[in-house]
Amino acid sequence: MTKSILKDKSYQFAIAIVKLAQNLQGVNREFALSKQILRSSTAIGAIIREGEFAQSKPDFINKMSQALKEANETDYWLDLLKDTNYLTKEQHINLSQQCKELITMLVATVKTAKNNLKK
């Protein structure tokens, strides 16, 4: 099995968000937003993993599109956490950069898969 950069990056991103959520809940006693971002960010990698065993190319495209939606939602929660002062500017820059990188990679994956489907 080849090494998947997308799979690895989504997993590392999920770890970073799990640690963030632990901090938000433990230190800040913030539960609503932390649960939202925890759900959406960990779903990215989980759905990418599902896509590894897609039953067809359209199923693969669907899974990657779902992961893309979760990444976009996670980006929203990151912005909201920053704007409500739960994230420092540095934390936001770091996590947002990782999230946007995943979004870029997922967009490219979906486009490539769609183009290959047409051939």
C-alpha atoms as a PDB file:
ATOM      1  CA  MET A   1       0.000   0.000   0.000  1.00  0.00           C
ATOM      2  CA  THR A   2       1.392   3.390  -0.936  1.00  0.00           C
ATOM      3  CA  LYS A   3       1.841   6.093   1.658  1.00  0.00           C
ATOM      4  CA  SER A   4      -0.941   8.657   1.484  1.00  0.00           C
ATOM      5  CA  ILE A   5       0.081  12.224   2.287  1.00  0.00           C
ATOM      6  CA  LEU A   6      -3.585  13.211   2.492  1.00  0.00           C
ATOM      7  CA  LYS A   7      -4.309  10.402   4.951  1.00  0.00           C
ATOM      8  CA  ASP A   8      -1.287  11.273   7.089  1.00  0.00           C
ATOM      9  CA  LYS A   9      -1.956  15.024   7.129  1.00  0.00           C
ATOM     10  CA  SER A  10      -5.626  14.546   8.013  1.00  0.00           C
ATOM     11  CA  TYR A  11      -4.630  12.237  10.875  1.00  0.00           C
ATOM     12  CA  GLN A  12      -2.059  14.687  12.249  1.00  0.00           C
ATOM     13  CA  PHE A  13      -4.578  17.509  11.944  1.00  0.00           C
ATOM     14  CA  ALA A  14      -7.147  15.462  13.882  1.00  0.00           C
ATOM     15  CA  ILE A  15      -4.604  14.901  16.652  1.00  0.00           C
ATOM     16  CA  ALA A  16      -3.962  18.646  16.874  1.00  0.00           C
ATOM     17  CA  ILE A  17      -7.689  19.364  17.110  1.00  0.00           C
ATOM     18  CA  VAL A  18      -8.236  16.642  19.738  1.00  0.00           C
ATOM     19  CA  LYS A  19      -5.569  18.344  21.865  1.00  0.00           C
ATOM     20  CA  LEU A  20      -7.189  21.720  21.229  1.00  0.00           C
ATOM     21  CA  ALA A  21     -10.604  20.380  22.264  1.00  0.00           C
ATOM     22  CA  GLN A  22      -9.142  18.865  25.426  1.00  0.00           C
ATOM     23  CA  ASN A  23      -7.686  22.259  26.290  1.00  0.00           C
ATOM     24  CA  LEU A  24     -10.876  24.143  25.443  1.00  0.00           C
ATOM     25  CA  GLN A  25     -12.947  21.813  27.609  1.00  0.00           C
ATOM     26  CA  GLY A  26     -10.461  21.482  30.463  1.00  0.00           C
ATOM     27  CA  VAL A  27      -9.125  25.018  30.770  1.00  0.00           C
ATOM     28  CA  ASN A  28     -11.801  27.215  29.227  1.00  0.00           C
ATOM     29  CA  ARG A  29     -14.785  25.018  30.120  1.00  0.00           C
ATOM     30  CA  GLU A  30     -16.021  25.537  26.554  1.00  0.00           C
ATOM     31  CA  PHE A  31     -18.014  22.552  25.323  1.00  0.00           C
ATOM     32  CA  ALA A  32     -20.317  23.547  22.452  1.00  0.00           C
ATOM     33  CA  LEU A  33     -17.753  24.822  19.946  1.00  0.00           C
ATOM     34  CA  SER A  34     -15.121  22.281  20.981  1.00  0.00           C
ATOM     35  CA  LYS A  35     -17.501  19.402  20.278  1.00  0.00           C
ATOM     36  CA  GLN A  36     -18.409  20.848  16.889  1.00  0.00           C
ATOM     37  CA  ILE A  37     -14.822  21.278  15.737  1.00  0.00           C
ATOM     38  CA  LEU A  38     -13.839  17.910  17.179  1.00  0.00           C
ATOM     39  CA  ARG A  39     -16.595  16.187  15.207  1.00  0.00           C
ATOM     40  CA  SER A  40     -15.940  17.891  11.883  1.00  0.00           C
ATOM     41  CA  SER A  41     -12.132  17.721  12.019  1.00  0.00           C
ATOM     42  CA  THR A  42     -11.927  14.063  12.957  1.00  0.00           C
ATOM     43  CA  ALA A  43     -14.502  13.230  10.285  1.00  0.00           C
ATOM     44  CA  ILE A  44     -12.100  14.461   7.587  1.00  0.00           C
ATOM     45  CA  GLY A  45      -9.612  11.647   8.102  1.00  0.00           C
ATOM     46  CA  ALA A  46     -12.265   9.059   8.864  1.00  0.00           C
ATOM     47  CA  ILE A  47     -14.028   9.729   5.570  1.00  0.00           C
ATOM     48  CA  ILE A  48     -10.720   9.723   3.682  1.00  0.00           C
ATOM     49  CA  ARG A  49     -10.086   6.271   5.192  1.00  0.00           C
ATOM     50  CA  GLU A  50     -13.535   5.155   4.028  1.00  0.00           C
ATOM     51  CA  GLY A  51     -12.610   6.329   0.546  1.00  0.00           C
ATOM     52  CA  GLU A  52      -9.669   3.931   0.459  1.00  0.00           C
ATOM     53  CA  PHE A  53     -12.166   1.108   0.109  1.00  0.00           C
ATOM     54  CA  ALA A  54     -14.677   2.864  -2.094  1.00  0.00           C
ATOM     55  CA  GLN A  55     -16.759   0.484  -4.165  1.00  0.00           C
ATOM     56  CA  SER A  56     -16.407   2.544  -7.319  1.00  0.00           C
ATOM     57  CA  LYS A  57     -14.868   5.735  -8.676  1.00  0.00           C
ATOM     58  CA  PRO A  58     -18.118   7.680  -8.094  1.00  0.00           C
ATOM     59  CA  ASP A  59     -18.187   6.358  -4.511  1.00  0.00           C
ATOM     60  CA  PHE A  60     -14.575   7.527  -4.061  1.00  0.00           C
ATOM     61  CA  ILE A  61     -15.456  10.978  -5.424  1.00  0.00           C
ATOM     62  CA  ASN A  62     -18.418  11.133  -3.054  1.00  0.00           C
ATOM     63  CA  LYS A  63     -16.244  10.248  -0.049  1.00  0.00           C
ATOM     64  CA  MET A  64     -13.598  12.832  -0.930  1.00  0.00           C
ATOM     65  CA  SER A  65     -16.333  15.431  -1.477  1.00  0.00           C
ATOM     66  CA  GLN A  66     -17.758  14.637   1.966  1.00  0.00           C
ATOM     67  CA  ALA A  67     -14.284  15.001   3.514  1.00  0.00           C
ATOM     68  CA  LEU A  68     -13.960  18.347   1.724  1.00  0.00           C
ATOM     69  CA  LYS A  69     -17.249  19.537   3.237  1.00  0.00           C
ATOM     70  CA  GLU A  70     -16.055  18.544   6.708  1.00  0.00           C
ATOM     71  CA  ALA A  71     -12.770  20.389   6.167  1.00  0.00           C
ATOM     72  CA  ASN A  72     -14.640  23.506   5.097  1.00  0.00           C
ATOM     73  CA  GLU A  73     -16.862  23.262   8.176  1.00  0.00           C
ATOM     74  CA  THR A  74     -13.772  22.859  10.369  1.00  0.00           C
ATOM     75  CA  ASP A  75     -12.316  26.017   8.844  1.00  0.00           C
ATOM     76  CA  TYR A  76     -15.509  27.830   9.889  1.00  0.00           C
ATOM     77  CA  TRP A  77     -15.187  26.613  13.491  1.00  0.00           C
ATOM     78  CA  LEU A  78     -11.544  27.699  13.580  1.00  0.00           C
ATOM     79  CA  ASP A  79     -12.529  31.207  12.509  1.00  0.00           C
ATOM     80  CA  LEU A  80     -15.327  31.306  15.072  1.00  0.00           C
ATOM     81  CA  LEU A  81     -13.009  30.131  17.858  1.00  0.00           C
ATOM     82  CA  LYS A  82     -10.520  32.857  16.908  1.00  0.00           C
ATOM     83  CA  ASP A  83     -13.156  35.571  16.741  1.00  0.00           C
ATOM     84  CA  THR A  84     -14.544  34.578  20.154  1.00  0.00           C
ATOM     85  CA  ASN A  85     -11.043  34.671  21.661  1.00  0.00           C
ATOM     86  CA  TYR A  86     -10.754  30.947  22.339  1.00  0.00           C
ATOM     87  CA  LEU A  87      -7.791  30.688  19.952  1.00  0.00           C
ATOM     88  CA  THR A  88      -4.730  32.856  19.913  1.00  0.00           C
ATOM     89  CA  LYS A  89      -3.691  34.408  16.629  1.00  0.00           C
ATOM     90  CA  GLU A  90      -0.774  31.952  16.430  1.00  0.00           C
ATOM     91  CA  GLN A  91      -2.982  28.934  17.112  1.00  0.00           C
ATOM     92  CA  HIS A  92      -5.446  30.090  14.482  1.00  0.00           C
ATOM     93  CA  ILE A  93      -2.750  30.677  11.868  1.00  0.00           C
ATOM     94  CA  ASN A  94      -1.231  27.240  12.450  1.00  0.00           C
ATOM     95  CA  LEU A  95      -4.462  25.259  12.499  1.00  0.00           C
ATOM     96  CA  SER A  96      -6.080  27.252   9.715  1.00  0.00           C
ATOM     97  CA  GLN A  97      -3.050  26.718   7.503  1.00  0.00           C
ATOM     98  CA  GLN A  98      -3.230  22.967   8.085  1.00  0.00           C
ATOM     99  CA  CYS A  99      -6.955  22.958   7.377  1.00  0.00           C
ATOM    100  CA  LYS A 100      -6.602  24.998   4.184  1.00  0.00           C
ATOM    101  CA  GLU A 101      -3.861  22.640   3.007  1.00  0.00           C
ATOM    102  CA  LEU A 102      -6.249  19.714   3.471  1.00  0.00           C
ATOM    103  CA  ILE A 103      -8.949  21.618   1.583  1.00  0.00           C
ATOM    104  CA  THR A 104      -6.546  22.284  -1.295  1.00  0.00           C
ATOM    105  CA  MET A 105      -5.498  18.641  -1.432  1.00  0.00           C
ATOM    106  CA  LEU A 106      -9.088  17.416  -1.317  1.00  0.00           C
ATOM    107  CA  VAL A 107     -10.165  19.803  -4.083  1.00  0.00           C
ATOM    108  CA  ALA A 108      -7.310  18.499  -6.246  1.00  0.00           C
ATOM    109  CA  THR A 109      -8.205  14.890  -5.425  1.00  0.00           C
ATOM    110  CA  VAL A 110     -11.855  15.386  -6.360  1.00  0.00           C
ATOM    111  CA  LYS A 111     -10.977  17.221  -9.595  1.00  0.00           C
ATOM    112  CA  THR A 112      -8.466  14.569 -10.624  1.00  0.00           C
ATOM    113  CA  ALA A 113     -10.858  11.732  -9.847  1.00  0.00           C
ATOM    114  CA  LYS A 114     -13.652  13.446 -11.791  1.00  0.00           C
ATOM    115  CA  ASN A 115     -11.358  14.012 -14.785  1.00  0.00           C
ATOM    116  CA  ASN A 116     -10.242  10.378 -14.714  1.00  0.00           C
ATOM    117  CA  LEU A 117     -13.871   9.289 -14.546  1.00  0.00           C
ATOM    118  CA  LYS A 118     -14.602  11.103 -17.820  1.00  0.00           C
ATOM    119  CA  LYS A 119     -11.834   9.251 -19.674  1.00  0.00           C
END
